PDB file of N, CA and C in Angstrom:
ATOM      1  N   MET A   1      85.286  88.763  63.323  1.00  0.00           N
ATOM      2  CA  MET A   1      83.980  89.301  63.587  1.00  0.00           C
ATOM      3  C   MET A   1      83.686  90.163  62.355  1.00  0.00           C
ATOM      4  N   GLY A   2      82.501  89.855  61.771  1.00  0.00           N
ATOM      5  CA  GLY A   2      82.094  90.611  60.573  1.00  0.00           C
ATOM      6  C   GLY A   2      81.413  91.910  60.885  1.00  0.00           C
ATOM      7  N   SER A   3      80.601  92.348  59.932  1.00  0.00           N
ATOM      8  CA  SER A   3      79.879  93.604  60.214  1.00  0.00           C
ATOM      9  C   SER A   3      78.360  93.341  59.888  1.00  0.00           C
ATOM     10  N   THR A   4      77.863  92.144  60.162  1.00  0.00           N
ATOM     11  CA  THR A   4      76.460  91.876  60.050  1.00  0.00           C
ATOM     12  C   THR A   4      75.923  91.667  61.466  1.00  0.00           C
ATOM     13  N   PRO A   5      74.593  91.949  61.608  1.00  0.00           N
ATOM     14  CA  PRO A   5      73.985  91.660  62.914  1.00  0.00           C
ATOM     15  C   PRO A   5      74.264  90.271  63.481  1.00  0.00           C
ATOM     16  N   SER A   6      74.407  90.274  64.769  1.00  0.00           N
ATOM     17  CA  SER A   6      74.743  88.963  65.453  1.00  0.00           C
ATOM     18  C   SER A   6      74.167  88.915  66.791  1.00  0.00           C
ATOM     19  N   LYS A   7      73.798  87.775  67.259  1.00  0.00           N
ATOM     20  CA  LYS A   7      73.271  87.671  68.701  1.00  0.00           C
ATOM     21  C   LYS A   7      74.412  87.261  69.633  1.00  0.00           C
ATOM     22  N   GLU A   8      75.653  87.242  69.158  1.00  0.00           N
ATOM     23  CA  GLU A   8      76.751  86.803  69.988  1.00  0.00           C
ATOM     24  C   GLU A   8      77.369  88.026  70.775  1.00  0.00           C
ATOM     25  N   LEU A   9      77.280  88.068  72.081  1.00  0.00           N
ATOM     26  CA  LEU A   9      77.956  89.022  72.876  1.00  0.00           C
ATOM     27  C   LEU A   9      79.282  88.439  73.330  1.00  0.00           C
ATOM     28  N   VAL A  10      80.352  89.136  73.045  1.00  0.00           N
ATOM     29  CA  VAL A  10      81.717  88.592  73.376  1.00  0.00           C
ATOM     30  C   VAL A  10      82.102  89.281  74.713  1.00  0.00           C
ATOM     31  N   ALA A  11      82.408  88.373  75.700  1.00  0.00           N
ATOM     32  CA  ALA A  11      82.908  88.791  76.974  1.00  0.00           C
ATOM     33  C   ALA A  11      84.427  88.728  76.915  1.00  0.00           C
ATOM     34  N   ILE A  12      85.070  89.816  77.406  1.00  0.00           N
ATOM     35  CA  ILE A  12      86.499  89.878  77.489  1.00  0.00           C
ATOM     36  C   ILE A  12      86.899  90.124  78.988  1.00  0.00           C
ATOM     37  N   PRO A  13      88.103  89.708  79.354  1.00  0.00           N
ATOM     38  CA  PRO A  13      88.525  89.885  80.725  1.00  0.00           C
ATOM     39  C   PRO A  13      88.520  91.357  81.214  1.00  0.00           C
ATOM     40  N   ASN A  14      87.990  91.488  82.413  1.00  0.00           N
ATOM     41  CA  ASN A  14      87.993  92.746  83.065  1.00  0.00           C
ATOM     42  C   ASN A  14      89.434  93.149  83.430  1.00  0.00           C
ATOM     43  N   PRO A  15      90.021  94.210  82.957  1.00  0.00           N
ATOM     44  CA  PRO A  15      91.439  94.480  83.324  1.00  0.00           C
ATOM     45  C   PRO A  15      91.600  94.917  84.766  1.00  0.00           C
ATOM     46  N   HIS A  16      90.499  95.214  85.509  1.00  0.00           N
ATOM     47  CA  HIS A  16      90.624  95.644  86.897  1.00  0.00           C
ATOM     48  C   HIS A  16      89.497  94.905  87.750  1.00  0.00           C
ATOM     49  N   PRO A  17      89.569  93.576  87.863  1.00  0.00           N
ATOM     50  CA  PRO A  17      88.456  92.893  88.558  1.00  0.00           C
ATOM     51  C   PRO A  17      88.342  93.126  90.012  1.00  0.00           C
ATOM     52  N   GLY A  18      89.414  93.661  90.667  1.00  0.00           N
ATOM     53  CA  GLY A  18      89.346  93.881  92.056  1.00  0.00           C
ATOM     54  C   GLY A  18      88.817  95.252  92.437  1.00  0.00           C
ATOM     55  N   ARG A  19      88.431  96.061  91.481  1.00  0.00           N
ATOM     56  CA  ARG A  19      87.960  97.414  91.758  1.00  0.00           C
ATOM     57  C   ARG A  19      86.474  97.547  91.243  1.00  0.00           C
ATOM     58  N   ASP A  20      85.642  98.222  92.043  1.00  0.00           N
ATOM     59  CA  ASP A  20      84.289  98.571  91.607  1.00  0.00           C
ATOM     60  C   ASP A  20      84.424  99.824  90.758  1.00  0.00           C
ATOM     61  N   TYR A  21      83.998  99.742  89.458  1.00  0.00           N
ATOM     62  CA  TYR A  21      83.995 100.937  88.655  1.00  0.00           C
ATOM     63  C   TYR A  21      82.778 100.714  87.693  1.00  0.00           C
ATOM     64  N   GLU A  22      82.304 101.787  87.193  1.00  0.00           N
ATOM     65  CA  GLU A  22      81.036 101.797  86.361  1.00  0.00           C
ATOM     66  C   GLU A  22      81.457 102.035  84.870  1.00  0.00           C
ATOM     67  N   ILE A  23      80.775 101.218  84.082  1.00  0.00           N
ATOM     68  CA  ILE A  23      80.955 101.416  82.562  1.00  0.00           C
ATOM     69  C   ILE A  23      79.619 101.839  81.990  1.00  0.00           C
ATOM     70  N   LEU A  24      79.663 102.838  81.148  1.00  0.00           N
ATOM     71  CA  LEU A  24      78.463 103.312  80.422  1.00  0.00           C
ATOM     72  C   LEU A  24      78.706 103.198  79.023  1.00  0.00           C
ATOM     73  N   CYS A  25      77.789 102.429  78.341  1.00  0.00           N
ATOM     74  CA  CYS A  25      77.767 102.286  76.829  1.00  0.00           C
ATOM     75  C   CYS A  25      76.492 102.849  76.420  1.00  0.00           C
ATOM     76  N   GLU A  26      76.503 103.733  75.457  1.00  0.00           N
ATOM     77  CA  GLU A  26      75.360 104.453  75.003  1.00  0.00           C
ATOM     78  C   GLU A  26      75.390 104.600  73.463  1.00  0.00           C
ATOM     79  N   THR A  27      74.236 104.428  72.788  1.00  0.00           N
ATOM     80  CA  THR A  27      74.157 104.679  71.349  1.00  0.00           C
ATOM     81  C   THR A  27      72.775 105.168  71.023  1.00  0.00           C
ATOM     82  N   PRO A  28      72.666 106.104  70.108  1.00  0.00           N
ATOM     83  CA  PRO A  28      71.394 106.609  69.547  1.00  0.00           C
ATOM     84  C   PRO A  28      70.916 105.738  68.385  1.00  0.00           C
ATOM     85  N   GLU A  29      71.463 104.626  68.155  1.00  0.00           N
ATOM     86  CA  GLU A  29      71.203 103.844  66.997  1.00  0.00           C
ATOM     87  C   GLU A  29      70.448 102.520  67.249  1.00  0.00           C
ATOM     88  N   LEU A  30      69.605 102.494  68.256  1.00  0.00           N
ATOM     89  CA  LEU A  30      68.746 101.306  68.540  1.00  0.00           C
ATOM     90  C   LEU A  30      67.485 101.390  67.707  1.00  0.00           C
ATOM     91  N   THR A  31      67.263 100.346  66.946  1.00  0.00           N
ATOM     92  CA  THR A  31      66.024 100.218  66.178  1.00  0.00           C
ATOM     93  C   THR A  31      65.386  98.920  66.202  1.00  0.00           C
ATOM     94  N   CYS A  32      64.147  98.844  66.145  1.00  0.00           N
ATOM     95  CA  CYS A  32      63.432  97.567  66.005  1.00  0.00           C
ATOM     96  C   CYS A  32      62.094  97.853  65.226  1.00  0.00           C
ATOM     97  N   LEU A  33      61.378  96.848  64.999  1.00  0.00           N
ATOM     98  CA  LEU A  33      60.082  97.074  64.286  1.00  0.00           C
ATOM     99  C   LEU A  33      58.939  96.897  65.272  1.00  0.00           C
ATOM    100  N   CYS A  34      57.976  97.745  65.099  1.00  0.00           N
ATOM    101  CA  CYS A  34      56.676  97.652  65.943  1.00  0.00           C
ATOM    102  C   CYS A  34      56.054  96.254  65.552  1.00  0.00           C
ATOM    103  N   PRO A  35      55.798  95.454  66.654  1.00  0.00           N
ATOM    104  CA  PRO A  35      55.171  94.129  66.326  1.00  0.00           C
ATOM    105  C   PRO A  35      53.729  94.283  65.843  1.00  0.00           C
ATOM    106  N   VAL A  36      53.128  95.427  66.045  1.00  0.00           N
ATOM    107  CA  VAL A  36      51.754  95.507  65.634  1.00  0.00           C
ATOM    108  C   VAL A  36      51.657  96.115  64.207  1.00  0.00           C
ATOM    109  N   THR A  37      52.394  97.143  63.881  1.00  0.00           N
ATOM    110  CA  THR A  37      52.294  97.815  62.591  1.00  0.00           C
ATOM    111  C   THR A  37      53.411  97.420  61.615  1.00  0.00           C
ATOM    112  N   GLY A  38      54.546  96.986  62.129  1.00  0.00           N
ATOM    113  CA  GLY A  38      55.743  96.662  61.261  1.00  0.00           C
ATOM    114  C   GLY A  38      56.535  97.909  60.967  1.00  0.00           C
ATOM    115  N   GLN A  39      56.174  99.028  61.477  1.00  0.00           N
ATOM    116  CA  GLN A  39      56.803 100.277  61.243  1.00  0.00           C
ATOM    117  C   GLN A  39      58.084 100.304  62.150  1.00  0.00           C
ATOM    118  N   PRO A  40      59.152 101.040  61.679  1.00  0.00           N
ATOM    119  CA  PRO A  40      60.346 101.076  62.475  1.00  0.00           C
ATOM    120  C   PRO A  40      60.222 102.012  63.721  1.00  0.00           C
ATOM    121  N   ASP A  41      60.770 101.526  64.829  1.00  0.00           N
ATOM    122  CA  ASP A  41      60.900 102.323  66.037  1.00  0.00           C
ATOM    123  C   ASP A  41      62.427 102.697  66.293  1.00  0.00           C
ATOM    124  N   PHE A  42      62.612 103.905  66.669  1.00  0.00           N
ATOM    125  CA  PHE A  42      64.020 104.432  66.891  1.00  0.00           C
ATOM    126  C   PHE A  42      64.266 104.843  68.296  1.00  0.00           C
ATOM    127  N   GLY A  43      65.342 104.442  68.849  1.00  0.00           N
ATOM    128  CA  GLY A  43      65.596 104.806  70.252  1.00  0.00           C
ATOM    129  C   GLY A  43      67.071 104.928  70.614  1.00  0.00           C
ATOM    130  N   ILE A  44      67.338 105.382  71.821  1.00  0.00           N
ATOM    131  CA  ILE A  44      68.617 105.442  72.399  1.00  0.00           C
ATOM    132  C   ILE A  44      68.672 104.392  73.433  1.00  0.00           C
ATOM    133  N   VAL A  45      69.842 103.731  73.583  1.00  0.00           N
ATOM    134  CA  VAL A  45      70.017 102.714  74.658  1.00  0.00           C
ATOM    135  C   VAL A  45      71.214 103.178  75.506  1.00  0.00           C
ATOM    136  N   GLU A  46      71.072 103.043  76.753  1.00  0.00           N
ATOM    137  CA  GLU A  46      72.099 103.381  77.745  1.00  0.00           C
ATOM    138  C   GLU A  46      72.243 102.110  78.658  1.00  0.00           C
ATOM    139  N   ILE A  47      73.472 101.633  78.674  1.00  0.00           N
ATOM    140  CA  ILE A  47      73.758 100.373  79.411  1.00  0.00           C
ATOM    141  C   ILE A  47      74.827 100.807  80.412  1.00  0.00           C
ATOM    142  N   THR A  48      74.543 100.668  81.707  1.00  0.00           N
ATOM    143  CA  THR A  48      75.496 100.998  82.791  1.00  0.00           C
ATOM    144  C   THR A  48      75.653  99.764  83.631  1.00  0.00           C
ATOM    145  N   TYR A  49      76.912  99.480  83.847  1.00  0.00           N
ATOM    146  CA  TYR A  49      77.141  98.260  84.663  1.00  0.00           C
ATOM    147  C   TYR A  49      78.474  98.322  85.477  1.00  0.00           C
ATOM    148  N   VAL A  50      78.510  97.617  86.581  1.00  0.00           N
ATOM    149  CA  VAL A  50      79.738  97.393  87.360  1.00  0.00           C
ATOM    150  C   VAL A  50      80.109  95.969  87.008  1.00  0.00           C
ATOM    151  N   PRO A  51      81.308  95.818  86.372  1.00  0.00           N
ATOM    152  CA  PRO A  51      81.662  94.452  85.951  1.00  0.00           C
ATOM    153  C   PRO A  51      82.252  93.627  87.062  1.00  0.00           C
ATOM    154  N   GLU A  52      82.238  92.360  86.840  1.00  0.00           N
ATOM    155  CA  GLU A  52      82.878  91.337  87.745  1.00  0.00           C
ATOM    156  C   GLU A  52      84.152  90.906  86.979  1.00  0.00           C
ATOM    157  N   ALA A  53      84.132  89.673  86.473  1.00  0.00           N
ATOM    158  CA  ALA A  53      85.312  89.182  85.786  1.00  0.00           C
ATOM    159  C   ALA A  53      85.445  89.594  84.281  1.00  0.00           C
ATOM    160  N   SER A  54      84.281  90.001  83.723  1.00  0.00           N
ATOM    161  CA  SER A  54      84.228  90.292  82.300  1.00  0.00           C
ATOM    162  C   SER A  54      83.613  91.644  81.974  1.00  0.00           C
ATOM    163  N   ILE A  55      84.009  92.125  80.800  1.00  0.00           N
ATOM    164  CA  ILE A  55      83.335  93.262  80.260  1.00  0.00           C
ATOM    165  C   ILE A  55      82.917  92.939  78.801  1.00  0.00           C
ATOM    166  N   VAL A  56      82.120  93.693  78.212  1.00  0.00           N
ATOM    167  CA  VAL A  56      81.639  93.416  76.869  1.00  0.00           C
ATOM    168  C   VAL A  56      82.546  93.991  75.874  1.00  0.00           C
ATOM    169  N   GLU A  57      82.868  93.250  74.836  1.00  0.00           N
ATOM    170  CA  GLU A  57      83.583  93.766  73.673  1.00  0.00           C
ATOM    171  C   GLU A  57      82.706  94.598  72.889  1.00  0.00           C
ATOM    172  N   LEU A  58      83.047  95.860  72.589  1.00  0.00           N
ATOM    173  CA  LEU A  58      82.113  96.845  72.059  1.00  0.00           C
ATOM    174  C   LEU A  58      81.659  96.553  70.639  1.00  0.00           C
ATOM    175  N   LYS A  59      82.460  96.008  69.787  1.00  0.00           N
ATOM    176  CA  LYS A  59      81.968  95.712  68.441  1.00  0.00           C
ATOM    177  C   LYS A  59      80.900  94.610  68.516  1.00  0.00           C
ATOM    178  N   SER A  60      81.101  93.635  69.343  1.00  0.00           N
ATOM    179  CA  SER A  60      80.047  92.587  69.508  1.00  0.00           C
ATOM    180  C   SER A  60      78.766  93.179  70.087  1.00  0.00           C
ATOM    181  N   LEU A  61      78.879  94.203  70.947  1.00  0.00           N
ATOM    182  CA  LEU A  61      77.682  94.896  71.382  1.00  0.00           C
ATOM    183  C   LEU A  61      76.962  95.616  70.294  1.00  0.00           C
ATOM    184  N   LYS A  62      77.732  96.311  69.516  1.00  0.00           N
ATOM    185  CA  LYS A  62      77.154  97.027  68.369  1.00  0.00           C
ATOM    186  C   LYS A  62      76.409  96.109  67.421  1.00  0.00           C
ATOM    187  N   LEU A  63      77.007  95.040  67.018  1.00  0.00           N
ATOM    188  CA  LEU A  63      76.396  93.996  66.120  1.00  0.00           C
ATOM    189  C   LEU A  63      75.182  93.364  66.798  1.00  0.00           C
ATOM    190  N   TYR A  64      75.294  93.170  68.089  1.00  0.00           N
ATOM    191  CA  TYR A  64      74.140  92.577  68.814  1.00  0.00           C
ATOM    192  C   TYR A  64      72.990  93.551  68.780  1.00  0.00           C
ATOM    193  N   LEU A  65      73.200  94.785  69.056  1.00  0.00           N
ATOM    194  CA  LEU A  65      72.054  95.778  69.038  1.00  0.00           C
ATOM    195  C   LEU A  65      71.578  95.935  67.591  1.00  0.00           C
ATOM    196  N   TRP A  66      72.425  95.850  66.591  1.00  0.00           N
ATOM    197  CA  TRP A  66      71.893  95.867  65.221  1.00  0.00           C
ATOM    198  C   TRP A  66      70.849  94.711  64.935  1.00  0.00           C
ATOM    199  N   GLY A  67      71.041  93.641  65.694  1.00  0.00           N
ATOM    200  CA  GLY A  67      70.166  92.457  65.462  1.00  0.00           C
ATOM    201  C   GLY A  67      68.663  92.723  65.664  1.00  0.00           C
ATOM    202  N   PHE A  68      68.385  93.757  66.452  1.00  0.00           N
ATOM    203  CA  PHE A  68      67.023  94.114  66.695  1.00  0.00           C
ATOM    204  C   PHE A  68      66.311  94.834  65.539  1.00  0.00           C
ATOM    205  N   ARG A  69      67.054  95.372  64.607  1.00  0.00           N
ATOM    206  CA  ARG A  69      66.468  96.295  63.575  1.00  0.00           C
ATOM    207  C   ARG A  69      65.436  95.657  62.702  1.00  0.00           C
ATOM    208  N   ASP A  70      65.499  94.330  62.470  1.00  0.00           N
ATOM    209  CA  ASP A  70      64.574  93.681  61.668  1.00  0.00           C
ATOM    210  C   ASP A  70      63.599  92.778  62.372  1.00  0.00           C
ATOM    211  N   GLU A  71      63.564  92.949  63.722  1.00  0.00           N
ATOM    212  CA  GLU A  71      62.766  92.056  64.504  1.00  0.00           C
ATOM    213  C   GLU A  71      61.641  92.928  65.113  1.00  0.00           C
ATOM    214  N   GLY A  72      60.494  92.321  65.278  1.00  0.00           N
ATOM    215  CA  GLY A  72      59.322  92.990  65.929  1.00  0.00           C
ATOM    216  C   GLY A  72      59.407  92.742  67.460  1.00  0.00           C
ATOM    217  N   HIS A  73      59.433  93.828  68.219  1.00  0.00           N
ATOM    218  CA  HIS A  73      59.471  93.872  69.661  1.00  0.00           C
ATOM    219  C   HIS A  73      58.740  95.078  70.178  1.00  0.00           C
ATOM    220  N   HIS A  74      58.153  94.883  71.232  1.00  0.00           N
ATOM    221  CA  HIS A  74      57.680  96.059  72.087  1.00  0.00           C
ATOM    222  C   HIS A  74      58.885  96.615  72.835  1.00  0.00           C
ATOM    223  N   HIS A  75      58.804  97.942  73.157  1.00  0.00           N
ATOM    224  CA  HIS A  75      59.858  98.573  73.781  1.00  0.00           C
ATOM    225  C   HIS A  75      60.301  97.972  75.089  1.00  0.00           C
ATOM    226  N   GLU A  76      59.349  97.501  75.866  1.00  0.00           N
ATOM    227  CA  GLU A  76      59.616  96.862  77.129  1.00  0.00           C
ATOM    228  C   GLU A  76      60.384  95.519  76.939  1.00  0.00           C
ATOM    229  N   ASP A  77      60.085  94.844  75.846  1.00  0.00           N
ATOM    230  CA  ASP A  77      60.697  93.552  75.546  1.00  0.00           C
ATOM    231  C   ASP A  77      62.118  93.781  75.194  1.00  0.00           C
ATOM    232  N   VAL A  78      62.407  94.709  74.263  1.00  0.00           N
ATOM    233  CA  VAL A  78      63.776  95.015  73.850  1.00  0.00           C
ATOM    234  C   VAL A  78      64.635  95.339  75.034  1.00  0.00           C
ATOM    235  N   THR A  79      64.122  96.137  75.934  1.00  0.00           N
ATOM    236  CA  THR A  79      64.988  96.532  77.093  1.00  0.00           C
ATOM    237  C   THR A  79      65.311  95.318  77.925  1.00  0.00           C
ATOM    238  N   ASN A  80      64.314  94.556  78.283  1.00  0.00           N
ATOM    239  CA  ASN A  80      64.559  93.359  79.133  1.00  0.00           C
ATOM    240  C   ASN A  80      65.382  92.238  78.475  1.00  0.00           C
ATOM    241  N   VAL A  81      65.223  92.054  77.199  1.00  0.00           N
ATOM    242  CA  VAL A  81      66.028  91.117  76.422  1.00  0.00           C
ATOM    243  C   VAL A  81      67.475  91.507  76.482  1.00  0.00           C
ATOM    244  N   ILE A  82      67.734  92.809  76.203  1.00  0.00           N
ATOM    245  CA  ILE A  82      69.159  93.294  76.281  1.00  0.00           C
ATOM    246  C   ILE A  82      69.778  93.052  77.666  1.00  0.00           C
ATOM    247  N   LEU A  83      69.010  93.383  78.668  1.00  0.00           N
ATOM    248  CA  LEU A  83      69.482  93.126  80.064  1.00  0.00           C
ATOM    249  C   LEU A  83      69.795  91.677  80.276  1.00  0.00           C
ATOM    250  N   ASN A  84      68.808  90.811  79.996  1.00  0.00           N
ATOM    251  CA  ASN A  84      68.951  89.411  80.263  1.00  0.00           C
ATOM    252  C   ASN A  84      70.211  88.809  79.495  1.00  0.00           C
ATOM    253  N   ASP A  85      70.366  89.215  78.234  1.00  0.00           N
ATOM    254  CA  ASP A  85      71.446  88.649  77.428  1.00  0.00           C
ATOM    255  C   ASP A  85      72.781  89.163  77.949  1.00  0.00           C
ATOM    256  N   LEU A  86      72.891  90.442  78.310  1.00  0.00           N
ATOM    257  CA  LEU A  86      74.120  90.953  78.845  1.00  0.00           C
ATOM    258  C   LEU A  86      74.505  90.344  80.214  1.00  0.00           C
ATOM    259  N   VAL A  87      73.512  90.186  81.075  1.00  0.00           N
ATOM    260  CA  VAL A  87      73.757  89.515  82.377  1.00  0.00           C
ATOM    261  C   VAL A  87      74.168  88.111  82.223  1.00  0.00           C
ATOM    262  N   ALA A  88      73.560  87.341  81.241  1.00  0.00           N
ATOM    263  CA  ALA A  88      73.962  86.043  80.977  1.00  0.00           C
ATOM    264  C   ALA A  88      75.401  85.976  80.428  1.00  0.00           C
ATOM    265  N   ALA A  89      75.836  86.883  79.627  1.00  0.00           N
ATOM    266  CA  ALA A  89      77.068  86.899  79.014  1.00  0.00           C
ATOM    267  C   ALA A  89      78.214  87.389  79.920  1.00  0.00           C
ATOM    268  N   LEU A  90      77.870  88.267  80.807  1.00  0.00           N
ATOM    269  CA  LEU A  90      78.917  88.997  81.630  1.00  0.00           C
ATOM    270  C   LEU A  90      78.884  88.728  83.122  1.00  0.00           C
ATOM    271  N   ALA A  91      77.771  88.358  83.629  1.00  0.00           N
ATOM    272  CA  ALA A  91      77.624  88.128  85.094  1.00  0.00           C
ATOM    273  C   ALA A  91      78.168  89.324  85.887  1.00  0.00           C
ATOM    274  N   PRO A  92      77.634  90.572  85.575  1.00  0.00           N
ATOM    275  CA  PRO A  92      78.181  91.767  86.224  1.00  0.00           C
ATOM    276  C   PRO A  92      77.695  91.864  87.679  1.00  0.00           C
ATOM    277  N   ARG A  93      78.329  92.682  88.463  1.00  0.00           N
ATOM    278  CA  ARG A  93      77.904  92.941  89.833  1.00  0.00           C
ATOM    279  C   ARG A  93      76.512  93.622  89.888  1.00  0.00           C
ATOM    280  N   SER A  94      76.383  94.579  88.913  1.00  0.00           N
ATOM    281  CA  SER A  94      75.060  95.240  88.753  1.00  0.00           C
ATOM    282  C   SER A  94      75.001  95.723  87.336  1.00  0.00           C
ATOM    283  N   MET A  95      73.775  95.964  86.869  1.00  0.00           N
ATOM    284  CA  MET A  95      73.592  96.462  85.451  1.00  0.00           C
ATOM    285  C   MET A  95      72.220  97.108  85.398  1.00  0.00           C
ATOM    286  N   THR A  96      72.141  98.199  84.673  1.00  0.00           N
ATOM    287  CA  THR A  96      70.886  98.887  84.357  1.00  0.00           C
ATOM    288  C   THR A  96      70.931  99.167  82.808  1.00  0.00           C
ATOM    289  N   VAL A  97      69.801  98.872  82.238  1.00  0.00           N
ATOM    290  CA  VAL A  97      69.517  99.215  80.742  1.00  0.00           C
ATOM    291  C   VAL A  97      68.356 100.160  80.630  1.00  0.00           C
ATOM    292  N   ILE A  98      68.609 101.291  80.093  1.00  0.00           N
ATOM    293  CA  ILE A  98      67.581 102.290  79.855  1.00  0.00           C
ATOM    294  C   ILE A  98      67.365 102.444  78.354  1.00  0.00           C
ATOM    295  N   THR A  99      66.202 102.351  77.873  1.00  0.00           N
ATOM    296  CA  THR A  99      65.929 102.729  76.497  1.00  0.00           C
ATOM    297  C   THR A  99      65.003 103.899  76.434  1.00  0.00           C
ATOM    298  N   ARG A 100      65.273 104.812  75.576  1.00  0.00           N
ATOM    299  CA  ARG A 100      64.401 106.069  75.321  1.00  0.00           C
ATOM    300  C   ARG A 100      63.957 106.042  73.882  1.00  0.00           C
ATOM    301  N   TRP A 101      62.707 105.797  73.676  1.00  0.00           N
ATOM    302  CA  TRP A 101      62.184 105.691  72.276  1.00  0.00           C
ATOM    303  C   TRP A 101      61.586 106.970  71.778  1.00  0.00           C
ATOM    304  N   ASN A 102      61.778 107.241  70.498  1.00  0.00           N
ATOM    305  CA  ASN A 102      61.292 108.458  69.865  1.00  0.00           C
ATOM    306  C   ASN A 102      59.795 108.442  69.854  1.00  0.00           C
ATOM    307  N   VAL A 103      59.174 109.665  69.664  1.00  0.00           N
ATOM    308  CA  VAL A 103      57.759 109.788  69.700  1.00  0.00           C
ATOM    309  C   VAL A 103      57.050 108.925  68.675  1.00  0.00           C
ATOM    310  N   ARG A 104      56.061 108.271  69.190  1.00  0.00           N
ATOM    311  CA  ARG A 104      55.157 107.426  68.276  1.00  0.00           C
ATOM    312  C   ARG A 104      53.799 107.686  68.769  1.00  0.00           C
ATOM    313  N   GLY A 105      52.907 108.240  67.890  1.00  0.00           N
ATOM    314  CA  GLY A 105      51.502 108.510  68.330  1.00  0.00           C
ATOM    315  C   GLY A 105      51.458 109.593  69.444  1.00  0.00           C
ATOM    316  N   GLY A 106      52.496 110.462  69.457  1.00  0.00           N
ATOM    317  CA  GLY A 106      52.472 111.472  70.408  1.00  0.00           C
ATOM    318  C   GLY A 106      52.980 111.141  71.812  1.00  0.00           C
ATOM    319  N   ILE A 107      53.509 109.923  71.887  1.00  0.00           N
ATOM    320  CA  ILE A 107      53.999 109.374  73.198  1.00  0.00           C
ATOM    321  C   ILE A 107      55.449 109.003  73.083  1.00  0.00           C
ATOM    322  N   THR A 108      56.286 109.466  73.966  1.00  0.00           N
ATOM    323  CA  THR A 108      57.630 108.975  74.103  1.00  0.00           C
ATOM    324  C   THR A 108      57.640 107.868  75.199  1.00  0.00           C
ATOM    325  N   THR A 109      58.512 106.922  75.061  1.00  0.00           N
ATOM    326  CA  THR A 109      58.557 105.831  76.063  1.00  0.00           C
ATOM    327  C   THR A 109      59.962 105.680  76.557  1.00  0.00           C
ATOM    328  N   THR A 110      60.165 105.629  77.862  1.00  0.00           N
ATOM    329  CA  THR A 110      61.403 105.271  78.488  1.00  0.00           C
ATOM    330  C   THR A 110      61.232 104.090  79.307  1.00  0.00           C
ATOM    331  N   VAL A 111      62.097 103.125  79.127  1.00  0.00           N
ATOM    332  CA  VAL A 111      61.994 101.820  79.865  1.00  0.00           C
ATOM    333  C   VAL A 111      63.327 101.554  80.579  1.00  0.00           C
ATOM    334  N   THR A 112      63.233 101.257  81.866  1.00  0.00           N
ATOM    335  CA  THR A 112      64.500 100.951  82.704  1.00  0.00           C
ATOM    336  C   THR A 112      64.319  99.570  83.273  1.00  0.00           C
ATOM    337  N   ALA A 113      65.361  98.731  83.171  1.00  0.00           N
ATOM    338  CA  ALA A 113      65.398  97.415  83.630  1.00  0.00           C
ATOM    339  C   ALA A 113      66.758  97.242  84.426  1.00  0.00           C
ATOM    340  N   SER A 114      66.731  96.669  85.602  1.00  0.00           N
ATOM    341  CA  SER A 114      67.973  96.585  86.389  1.00  0.00           C
ATOM    342  C   SER A 114      68.168  95.168  86.925  1.00  0.00           C
ATOM    343  N   HIS A 115      69.499  94.870  87.196  1.00  0.00           N
ATOM    344  CA  HIS A 115      69.924  93.638  87.750  1.00  0.00           C
ATOM    345  C   HIS A 115      70.874  93.964  88.879  1.00  0.00           C
ATOM    346  N   GLY A 116      70.754  93.278  89.988  1.00  0.00           N
ATOM    347  CA  GLY A 116      71.740  93.378  91.041  1.00  0.00           C
ATOM    348  C   GLY A 116      71.566  94.629  91.913  1.00  0.00           C
TER     349      GLY A 116
END
């Protein structure tokens, strides 16, 4: 696995598949481009999930999130795309993705998307 952005999310075996437990992955390094102006948007992403058979390998998650930095997306789209891709890769019991976007035009945006 290199260090360039990637759309590949690597699922690894859950070491405790018989137990319900919650995983929180969080980073203040989520970026994308505004699809209207092309200017960069900066945000925090918080991913909380209860795994089933798989968990996400963290370097693949980092490289996956980096993949948004040169793409134009609305905040609502980024949040839902992350949720959809993680659910497809991991099939968790439940998952919530929250993005908190820095002020743009005097407005902060928080988007929450959930599965299960």
